[in-house]
Amino acid sequence: MSVGEVLDKRHVISAILFIHRNPGCKKTDLYDATSRNAQMPRRLDELESMGLLSQNRSGLTGTTILRLTGKGTRIAEHLERMESILGIP
C-alpha cells in the first residue's frame, strides 16, 4: 500500500492528528471529533497494522484507548509541519 493510498482515505489524516494531539484518547472521542463513518474502525485497524498506532482495551470498562507509535508520531509531526507551511492553525 502506498502513502497516497493510506492518507487519501477519508478521515485518516484527521484521525492521526487528533490522536497525536490527544494521546491516550478513547476511540469514541476520536469518532465524536472526526467521524462515525462505518469505515473508521477498519481505518484504525489499517493504521495499527502499519505500525502507526496502538489500540488497547481497558479491562475495567472495555474502552479502547488509542496512542500513536513512534512511527505514527513522526508522521503526525510531518503533517503538522505541512499545516504550518500552509498557514493552517
PDB file of N, CA and C in Angstrom:
ATOM      1  N   MET A   1       0.851  -1.176   0.000  1.00  0.00           N
ATOM      2  CA  MET A   1       0.000   0.000   0.000  1.00  0.00           C
ATOM      3  C   MET A   1       0.896   1.239   0.000  1.00  0.00           C
ATOM      4  N   SER A   2       0.578   2.206  -0.858  1.00  0.00           N
ATOM      5  CA  SER A   2       1.394   3.414  -0.960  1.00  0.00           C
ATOM      6  C   SER A   2       0.941   4.460   0.062  1.00  0.00           C
ATOM      7  N   VAL A   3       1.789   5.449   0.280  1.00  0.00           N
ATOM      8  CA  VAL A   3       1.461   6.549   1.195  1.00  0.00           C
ATOM      9  C   VAL A   3       0.170   7.234   0.744  1.00  0.00           C
ATOM     10  N   GLY A   4       0.063   7.473  -0.558  1.00  0.00           N
ATOM     11  CA  GLY A   4      -1.141   8.114  -1.087  1.00  0.00           C
ATOM     12  C   GLY A   4      -2.387   7.310  -0.813  1.00  0.00           C
ATOM     13  N   GLU A   5      -2.288   5.995  -0.962  1.00  0.00           N
ATOM     14  CA  GLU A   5      -3.445   5.141  -0.715  1.00  0.00           C
ATOM     15  C   GLU A   5      -3.873   5.190   0.746  1.00  0.00           C
ATOM     16  N   VAL A   6      -2.916   5.314   1.639  1.00  0.00           N
ATOM     17  CA  VAL A   6      -3.230   5.375   3.067  1.00  0.00           C
ATOM     18  C   VAL A   6      -3.817   6.733   3.431  1.00  0.00           C
ATOM     19  N   LEU A   7      -3.103   7.797   3.091  1.00  0.00           N
ATOM     20  CA  LEU A   7      -3.521   9.128   3.525  1.00  0.00           C
ATOM     21  C   LEU A   7      -4.718   9.667   2.757  1.00  0.00           C
ATOM     22  N   ASP A   8      -4.998   9.107   1.603  1.00  0.00           N
ATOM     23  CA  ASP A   8      -6.117   9.568   0.794  1.00  0.00           C
ATOM     24  C   ASP A   8      -7.464   9.060   1.318  1.00  0.00           C
ATOM     25  N   LYS A   9      -7.421   8.068   2.177  1.00  0.00           N
ATOM     26  CA  LYS A   9      -8.670   7.519   2.705  1.00  0.00           C
ATOM     27  C   LYS A   9      -9.316   8.526   3.648  1.00  0.00           C
ATOM     28  N   ARG A  10     -10.608   8.581   3.577  1.00  0.00           N
ATOM     29  CA  ARG A  10     -11.379   9.571   4.319  1.00  0.00           C
ATOM     30  C   ARG A  10     -11.098   9.519   5.820  1.00  0.00           C
ATOM     31  N   HIS A  11     -10.799  10.659   6.392  1.00  0.00           N
ATOM     32  CA  HIS A  11     -10.610  10.894   7.827  1.00  0.00           C
ATOM     33  C   HIS A  11      -9.306  10.345   8.407  1.00  0.00           C
ATOM     34  N   VAL A  12      -8.432   9.780   7.593  1.00  0.00           N
ATOM     35  CA  VAL A  12      -7.192   9.214   8.122  1.00  0.00           C
ATOM     36  C   VAL A  12      -6.280  10.312   8.676  1.00  0.00           C
ATOM     37  N   ILE A  13      -6.077  11.372   7.926  1.00  0.00           N
ATOM     38  CA  ILE A  13      -5.207  12.456   8.400  1.00  0.00           C
ATOM     39  C   ILE A  13      -5.796  13.081   9.659  1.00  0.00           C
ATOM     40  N   SER A  14      -7.089  13.331   9.660  1.00  0.00           N
ATOM     41  CA  SER A  14      -7.743  13.897  10.846  1.00  0.00           C
ATOM     42  C   SER A  14      -7.577  12.988  12.052  1.00  0.00           C
ATOM     43  N   ALA A  15      -7.691  11.680  11.840  1.00  0.00           N
ATOM     44  CA  ALA A  15      -7.550  10.725  12.939  1.00  0.00           C
ATOM     45  C   ALA A  15      -6.130  10.746  13.496  1.00  0.00           C
ATOM     46  N   ILE A  16      -5.137  10.724  12.612  1.00  0.00           N
ATOM     47  CA  ILE A  16      -3.739  10.742  13.065  1.00  0.00           C
ATOM     48  C   ILE A  16      -3.462  11.998  13.883  1.00  0.00           C
ATOM     49  N   LEU A  17      -3.894  13.153  13.369  1.00  0.00           N
ATOM     50  CA  LEU A  17      -3.639  14.401  14.090  1.00  0.00           C
ATOM     51  C   LEU A  17      -4.414  14.467  15.406  1.00  0.00           C
ATOM     52  N   PHE A  18      -5.640  13.979  15.434  1.00  0.00           N
ATOM     53  CA  PHE A  18      -6.415  14.003  16.680  1.00  0.00           C
ATOM     54  C   PHE A  18      -5.747  13.137  17.747  1.00  0.00           C
ATOM     55  N   ILE A  19      -5.332  11.941  17.373  1.00  0.00           N
ATOM     56  CA  ILE A  19      -4.687  11.050  18.342  1.00  0.00           C
ATOM     57  C   ILE A  19      -3.357  11.649  18.807  1.00  0.00           C
ATOM     58  N   HIS A  20      -2.629  12.275  17.897  1.00  0.00           N
ATOM     59  CA  HIS A  20      -1.360  12.929  18.258  1.00  0.00           C
ATOM     60  C   HIS A  20      -1.591  14.033  19.282  1.00  0.00           C
ATOM     61  N   ARG A  21      -2.626  14.806  19.077  1.00  0.00           N
ATOM     62  CA  ARG A  21      -2.923  15.945  19.965  1.00  0.00           C
ATOM     63  C   ARG A  21      -3.664  15.537  21.230  1.00  0.00           C
ATOM     64  N   ASN A  22      -4.145  14.297  21.256  1.00  0.00           N
ATOM     65  CA  ASN A  22      -4.902  13.784  22.409  1.00  0.00           C
ATOM     66  C   ASN A  22      -4.435  12.361  22.738  1.00  0.00           C
ATOM     67  N   PRO A  23      -3.158  12.209  23.116  1.00  0.00           N
ATOM     68  CA  PRO A  23      -2.639  10.863  23.356  1.00  0.00           C
ATOM     69  C   PRO A  23      -3.425  10.155  24.462  1.00  0.00           C
ATOM     70  N   GLY A  24      -3.717   8.890  24.231  1.00  0.00           N
ATOM     71  CA  GLY A  24      -4.473   8.127  25.211  1.00  0.00           C
ATOM     72  C   GLY A  24      -5.968   8.396  25.149  1.00  0.00           C
ATOM     73  N   CYS A  25      -6.416   8.977  24.025  1.00  0.00           N
ATOM     74  CA  CYS A  25      -7.843   9.266  23.881  1.00  0.00           C
ATOM     75  C   CYS A  25      -8.624   7.974  23.691  1.00  0.00           C
ATOM     76  N   LYS A  26      -9.915   8.061  23.966  1.00  0.00           N
ATOM     77  CA  LYS A  26     -10.802   6.927  23.747  1.00  0.00           C
ATOM     78  C   LYS A  26     -11.230   6.913  22.278  1.00  0.00           C
ATOM     79  N   LYS A  27     -11.502   5.729  21.780  1.00  0.00           N
ATOM     80  CA  LYS A  27     -11.950   5.598  20.394  1.00  0.00           C
ATOM     81  C   LYS A  27     -13.216   6.424  20.168  1.00  0.00           C
ATOM     82  N   THR A  28     -14.103   6.451  21.148  1.00  0.00           N
ATOM     83  CA  THR A  28     -15.343   7.226  20.999  1.00  0.00           C
ATOM     84  C   THR A  28     -15.057   8.723  20.908  1.00  0.00           C
ATOM     85  N   ASP A  29     -14.016   9.200  21.595  1.00  0.00           N
ATOM     86  CA  ASP A  29     -13.630  10.617  21.489  1.00  0.00           C
ATOM     87  C   ASP A  29     -13.184  10.935  20.063  1.00  0.00           C
ATOM     88  N   LEU A  30     -12.421  10.018  19.482  1.00  0.00           N
ATOM     89  CA  LEU A  30     -11.984  10.204  18.095  1.00  0.00           C
ATOM     90  C   LEU A  30     -13.183  10.259  17.169  1.00  0.00           C
ATOM     91  N   TYR A  31     -14.120   9.335  17.333  1.00  0.00           N
ATOM     92  CA  TYR A  31     -15.313   9.311  16.479  1.00  0.00           C
ATOM     93  C   TYR A  31     -16.102  10.605  16.617  1.00  0.00           C
ATOM     94  N   ASP A  32     -16.260  11.091  17.843  1.00  0.00           N
ATOM     95  CA  ASP A  32     -17.002  12.337  18.065  1.00  0.00           C
ATOM     96  C   ASP A  32     -16.317  13.525  17.383  1.00  0.00           C
ATOM     97  N   ALA A  33     -14.989  13.520  17.383  1.00  0.00           N
ATOM     98  CA  ALA A  33     -14.242  14.655  16.838  1.00  0.00           C
ATOM     99  C   ALA A  33     -14.065  14.592  15.326  1.00  0.00           C
ATOM    100  N   THR A  34     -14.093  13.395  14.757  1.00  0.00           N
ATOM    101  CA  THR A  34     -13.818  13.274  13.322  1.00  0.00           C
ATOM    102  C   THR A  34     -15.017  12.748  12.557  1.00  0.00           C
ATOM    103  N   SER A  35     -15.362  11.498  12.806  1.00  0.00           N
ATOM    104  CA  SER A  35     -16.442  10.889  12.028  1.00  0.00           C
ATOM    105  C   SER A  35     -16.883   9.582  12.659  1.00  0.00           C
ATOM    106  N   ARG A  36     -18.134   9.306  12.515  1.00  0.00           N
ATOM    107  CA  ARG A  36     -18.658   7.990  12.900  1.00  0.00           C
ATOM    108  C   ARG A  36     -18.880   7.147  11.651  1.00  0.00           C
ATOM    109  N   ASN A  37     -18.095   7.437  10.627  1.00  0.00           N
ATOM    110  CA  ASN A  37     -18.136   6.693   9.375  1.00  0.00           C
ATOM    111  C   ASN A  37     -17.972   5.204   9.666  1.00  0.00           C
ATOM    112  N   ALA A  38     -18.754   4.390   9.011  1.00  0.00           N
ATOM    113  CA  ALA A  38     -18.723   2.940   9.237  1.00  0.00           C
ATOM    114  C   ALA A  38     -17.357   2.332   8.918  1.00  0.00           C
ATOM    115  N   GLN A  39     -16.555   3.015   8.127  1.00  0.00           N
ATOM    116  CA  GLN A  39     -15.226   2.514   7.758  1.00  0.00           C
ATOM    117  C   GLN A  39     -14.142   2.878   8.771  1.00  0.00           C
ATOM    118  N   MET A  40     -14.455   3.745   9.725  1.00  0.00           N
ATOM    119  CA  MET A  40     -13.430   4.221  10.655  1.00  0.00           C
ATOM    120  C   MET A  40     -12.760   3.085  11.441  1.00  0.00           C
ATOM    121  N   PRO A  41     -13.491   2.110  11.976  1.00  0.00           N
ATOM    122  CA  PRO A  41     -12.783   1.020  12.670  1.00  0.00           C
ATOM    123  C   PRO A  41     -11.790   0.294  11.758  1.00  0.00           C
ATOM    124  N   ARG A  42     -12.157   0.120  10.507  1.00  0.00           N
ATOM    125  CA  ARG A  42     -11.244  -0.520   9.550  1.00  0.00           C
ATOM    126  C   ARG A  42     -10.021   0.360   9.305  1.00  0.00           C
ATOM    127  N   ARG A  43     -10.231   1.659   9.204  1.00  0.00           N
ATOM    128  CA  ARG A  43      -9.106   2.583   9.006  1.00  0.00           C
ATOM    129  C   ARG A  43      -8.129   2.488  10.185  1.00  0.00           C
ATOM    130  N   LEU A  44      -8.688   2.445  11.398  1.00  0.00           N
ATOM    131  CA  LEU A  44      -7.823   2.338  12.581  1.00  0.00           C
ATOM    132  C   LEU A  44      -7.062   1.014  12.579  1.00  0.00           C
ATOM    133  N   ASP A  45      -7.722  -0.058  12.185  1.00  0.00           N
ATOM    134  CA  ASP A  45      -7.035  -1.354  12.093  1.00  0.00           C
ATOM    135  C   ASP A  45      -5.907  -1.294  11.068  1.00  0.00           C
ATOM    136  N   GLU A  46      -6.134  -0.611   9.940  1.00  0.00           N
ATOM    137  CA  GLU A  46      -5.095  -0.477   8.919  1.00  0.00           C
ATOM    138  C   GLU A  46      -3.912   0.316   9.450  1.00  0.00           C
ATOM    139  N   LEU A  47      -4.193   1.413  10.162  1.00  0.00           N
ATOM    140  CA  LEU A  47      -3.107   2.216  10.740  1.00  0.00           C
ATOM    141  C   LEU A  47      -2.338   1.400  11.777  1.00  0.00           C
ATOM    142  N   GLU A  48      -3.060   0.591  12.533  1.00  0.00           N
ATOM    143  CA  GLU A  48      -2.394  -0.261  13.521  1.00  0.00           C
ATOM    144  C   GLU A  48      -1.513  -1.305  12.822  1.00  0.00           C
ATOM    145  N   SER A  49      -2.018  -1.910  11.764  1.00  0.00           N
ATOM    146  CA  SER A  49      -1.233  -2.931  11.064  1.00  0.00           C
ATOM    147  C   SER A  49       0.009  -2.337  10.397  1.00  0.00           C
ATOM    148  N   MET A  50      -0.037  -1.051  10.102  1.00  0.00           N
ATOM    149  CA  MET A  50       1.128  -0.370   9.529  1.00  0.00           C
ATOM    150  C   MET A  50       2.106   0.096  10.604  1.00  0.00           C
ATOM    151  N   GLY A  51       1.743  -0.115  11.866  1.00  0.00           N
ATOM    152  CA  GLY A  51       2.622   0.262  12.964  1.00  0.00           C
ATOM    153  C   GLY A  51       2.535   1.725  13.348  1.00  0.00           C
ATOM    154  N   LEU A  52       1.432   2.401  12.996  1.00  0.00           N
ATOM    155  CA  LEU A  52       1.298   3.827  13.301  1.00  0.00           C
ATOM    156  C   LEU A  52       0.571   4.093  14.607  1.00  0.00           C
ATOM    157  N   LEU A  53      -0.265   3.167  15.058  1.00  0.00           N
ATOM    158  CA  LEU A  53      -0.976   3.384  16.310  1.00  0.00           C
ATOM    159  C   LEU A  53      -1.227   2.074  17.018  1.00  0.00           C
ATOM    160  N   SER A  54      -1.550   2.195  18.303  1.00  0.00           N
ATOM    161  CA  SER A  54      -1.942   1.018  19.084  1.00  0.00           C
ATOM    162  C   SER A  54      -3.347   1.247  19.615  1.00  0.00           C
ATOM    163  N   GLN A  55      -4.110   0.170  19.677  1.00  0.00           N
ATOM    164  CA  GLN A  55      -5.459   0.185  20.218  1.00  0.00           C
ATOM    165  C   GLN A  55      -5.482  -0.805  21.385  1.00  0.00           C
ATOM    166  N   ASN A  56      -5.691  -0.300  22.574  1.00  0.00           N
ATOM    167  CA  ASN A  56      -5.688  -1.164  23.754  1.00  0.00           C
ATOM    168  C   ASN A  56      -7.002  -1.024  24.500  1.00  0.00           C
ATOM    169  N   ARG A  57      -7.616  -2.172  24.793  1.00  0.00           N
ATOM    170  CA  ARG A  57      -8.881  -2.166  25.529  1.00  0.00           C
ATOM    171  C   ARG A  57      -8.610  -2.135  27.019  1.00  0.00           C
ATOM    172  N   SER A  58      -9.347  -1.286  27.701  1.00  0.00           N
ATOM    173  CA  SER A  58      -9.275  -1.212  29.154  1.00  0.00           C
ATOM    174  C   SER A  58     -10.044  -2.397  29.720  1.00  0.00           C
ATOM    175  N   GLY A  59      -9.432  -3.115  30.635  1.00  0.00           N
ATOM    176  CA  GLY A  59     -10.075  -4.280  31.223  1.00  0.00           C
ATOM    177  C   GLY A  59     -11.297  -3.947  32.051  1.00  0.00           C
ATOM    178  N   LEU A  60     -11.300  -2.787  32.667  1.00  0.00           N
ATOM    179  CA  LEU A  60     -12.415  -2.428  33.546  1.00  0.00           C
ATOM    180  C   LEU A  60     -13.653  -1.982  32.783  1.00  0.00           C
ATOM    181  N   THR A  61     -13.462  -1.126  31.805  1.00  0.00           N
ATOM    182  CA  THR A  61     -14.612  -0.537  31.111  1.00  0.00           C
ATOM    183  C   THR A  61     -14.797  -1.046  29.688  1.00  0.00           C
ATOM    184  N   GLY A  62     -13.793  -1.701  29.143  1.00  0.00           N
ATOM    185  CA  GLY A  62     -13.871  -2.148  27.754  1.00  0.00           C
ATOM    186  C   GLY A  62     -13.631  -1.029  26.754  1.00  0.00           C
ATOM    187  N   THR A  63     -13.272   0.143  27.262  1.00  0.00           N
ATOM    188  CA  THR A  63     -12.980   1.293  26.410  1.00  0.00           C
ATOM    189  C   THR A  63     -11.694   1.042  25.638  1.00  0.00           C
ATOM    190  N   THR A  64     -11.681   1.432  24.378  1.00  0.00           N
ATOM    191  CA  THR A  64     -10.474   1.290  23.568  1.00  0.00           C
ATOM    192  C   THR A  64      -9.689   2.598  23.615  1.00  0.00           C
ATOM    193  N   ILE A  65      -8.439   2.490  24.035  1.00  0.00           N
ATOM    194  CA  ILE A  65      -7.544   3.639  24.159  1.00  0.00           C
ATOM    195  C   ILE A  65      -6.600   3.649  22.954  1.00  0.00           C
ATOM    196  N   LEU A  66      -6.452   4.836  22.355  1.00  0.00           N
ATOM    197  CA  LEU A  66      -5.628   4.990  21.153  1.00  0.00           C
ATOM    198  C   LEU A  66      -4.363   5.791  21.460  1.00  0.00           C
ATOM    199  N   ARG A  67      -3.249   5.312  20.945  1.00  0.00           N
ATOM    200  CA  ARG A  67      -1.974   6.025  21.057  1.00  0.00           C
ATOM    201  C   ARG A  67      -1.188   5.825  19.766  1.00  0.00           C
ATOM    202  N   LEU A  68      -0.506   6.864  19.354  1.00  0.00           N
ATOM    203  CA  LEU A  68       0.390   6.732  18.206  1.00  0.00           C
ATOM    204  C   LEU A  68       1.672   6.056  18.652  1.00  0.00           C
ATOM    205  N   THR A  69       2.247   5.293  17.763  1.00  0.00           N
ATOM    206  CA  THR A  69       3.567   4.717  17.997  1.00  0.00           C
ATOM    207  C   THR A  69       4.605   5.787  17.649  1.00  0.00           C
ATOM    208  N   GLY A  70       5.877   5.457  17.803  1.00  0.00           N
ATOM    209  CA  GLY A  70       6.931   6.392  17.399  1.00  0.00           C
ATOM    210  C   GLY A  70       6.810   6.750  15.921  1.00  0.00           C
ATOM    211  N   LYS A  71       6.540   5.755  15.101  1.00  0.00           N
ATOM    212  CA  LYS A  71       6.382   5.988  13.662  1.00  0.00           C
ATOM    213  C   LYS A  71       5.167   6.880  13.397  1.00  0.00           C
ATOM    214  N   GLY A  72       4.062   6.610  14.085  1.00  0.00           N
ATOM    215  CA  GLY A  72       2.854   7.418  13.928  1.00  0.00           C
ATOM    216  C   GLY A  72       3.073   8.855  14.371  1.00  0.00           C
ATOM    217  N   THR A  73       3.843   9.021  15.439  1.00  0.00           N
ATOM    218  CA  THR A  73       4.153  10.369  15.933  1.00  0.00           C
ATOM    219  C   THR A  73       4.979  11.136  14.912  1.00  0.00           C
ATOM    220  N   ARG A  74       5.942  10.475  14.283  1.00  0.00           N
ATOM    221  CA  ARG A  74       6.749  11.147  13.258  1.00  0.00           C
ATOM    222  C   ARG A  74       5.883  11.577  12.075  1.00  0.00           C
ATOM    223  N   ILE A  75       4.943  10.729  11.674  1.00  0.00           N
ATOM    224  CA  ILE A  75       4.026  11.085  10.588  1.00  0.00           C
ATOM    225  C   ILE A  75       3.191  12.291  10.993  1.00  0.00           C
ATOM    226  N   ALA A  76       2.654  12.279  12.219  1.00  0.00           N
ATOM    227  CA  ALA A  76       1.830  13.392  12.702  1.00  0.00           C
ATOM    228  C   ALA A  76       2.628  14.689  12.736  1.00  0.00           C
ATOM    229  N   GLU A  77       3.876  14.613  13.144  1.00  0.00           N
ATOM    230  CA  GLU A  77       4.714  15.812  13.184  1.00  0.00           C
ATOM    231  C   GLU A  77       4.939  16.369  11.782  1.00  0.00           C
ATOM    232  N   HIS A  78       5.104  15.497  10.800  1.00  0.00           N
ATOM    233  CA  HIS A  78       5.226  15.954   9.409  1.00  0.00           C
ATOM    234  C   HIS A  78       3.929  16.625   8.954  1.00  0.00           C
ATOM    235  N   LEU A  79       2.807  16.037   9.311  1.00  0.00           N
ATOM    236  CA  LEU A  79       1.515  16.630   8.936  1.00  0.00           C
ATOM    237  C   LEU A  79       1.338  18.006   9.584  1.00  0.00           C
ATOM    238  N   GLU A  80       1.771  18.143  10.832  1.00  0.00           N
ATOM    239  CA  GLU A  80       1.680  19.451  11.492  1.00  0.00           C
ATOM    240  C   GLU A  80       2.585  20.478  10.818  1.00  0.00           C
ATOM    241  N   ARG A  81       3.761  20.059  10.371  1.00  0.00           N
ATOM    242  CA  ARG A  81       4.640  20.976   9.648  1.00  0.00           C
ATOM    243  C   ARG A  81       3.981  21.422   8.343  1.00  0.00           C
ATOM    244  N   MET A  82       3.296  20.501   7.676  1.00  0.00           N
ATOM    245  CA  MET A  82       2.579  20.856   6.448  1.00  0.00           C
ATOM    246  C   MET A  82       1.489  21.882   6.757  1.00  0.00           C
ATOM    247  N   GLU A  83       0.773  21.685   7.870  1.00  0.00           N
ATOM    248  CA  GLU A  83      -0.252  22.665   8.260  1.00  0.00           C
ATOM    249  C   GLU A  83       0.382  24.036   8.487  1.00  0.00           C
ATOM    250  N   SER A  84       1.537  24.048   9.128  1.00  0.00           N
ATOM    251  CA  SER A  84       2.230  25.305   9.412  1.00  0.00           C
ATOM    252  C   SER A  84       2.648  26.008   8.122  1.00  0.00           C
ATOM    253  N   ILE A  85       3.191  25.250   7.188  1.00  0.00           N
ATOM    254  CA  ILE A  85       3.587  25.826   5.897  1.00  0.00           C
ATOM    255  C   ILE A  85       2.396  26.436   5.186  1.00  0.00           C
ATOM    256  N   LEU A  86       1.248  25.764   5.275  1.00  0.00           N
ATOM    257  CA  LEU A  86       0.036  26.249   4.620  1.00  0.00           C
ATOM    258  C   LEU A  86      -0.685  27.337   5.410  1.00  0.00           C
ATOM    259  N   GLY A  87      -0.203  27.608   6.625  1.00  0.00           N
ATOM    260  CA  GLY A  87      -0.824  28.636   7.451  1.00  0.00           C
ATOM    261  C   GLY A  87      -2.131  28.183   8.080  1.00  0.00           C
ATOM    262  N   ILE A  88      -2.278  26.875   8.288  1.00  0.00           N
ATOM    263  CA  ILE A  88      -3.491  26.342   8.910  1.00  0.00           C
ATOM    264  C   ILE A  88      -3.251  26.282  10.418  1.00  0.00           C
ATOM    265  N   PRO A  89      -4.097  26.958  11.194  1.00  0.00           N
ATOM    266  CA  PRO A  89      -3.880  26.983  12.652  1.00  0.00           C
ATOM    267  C   PRO A  89      -4.129  25.629  13.307  1.00  0.00           C
TER     268      PRO A  89
END
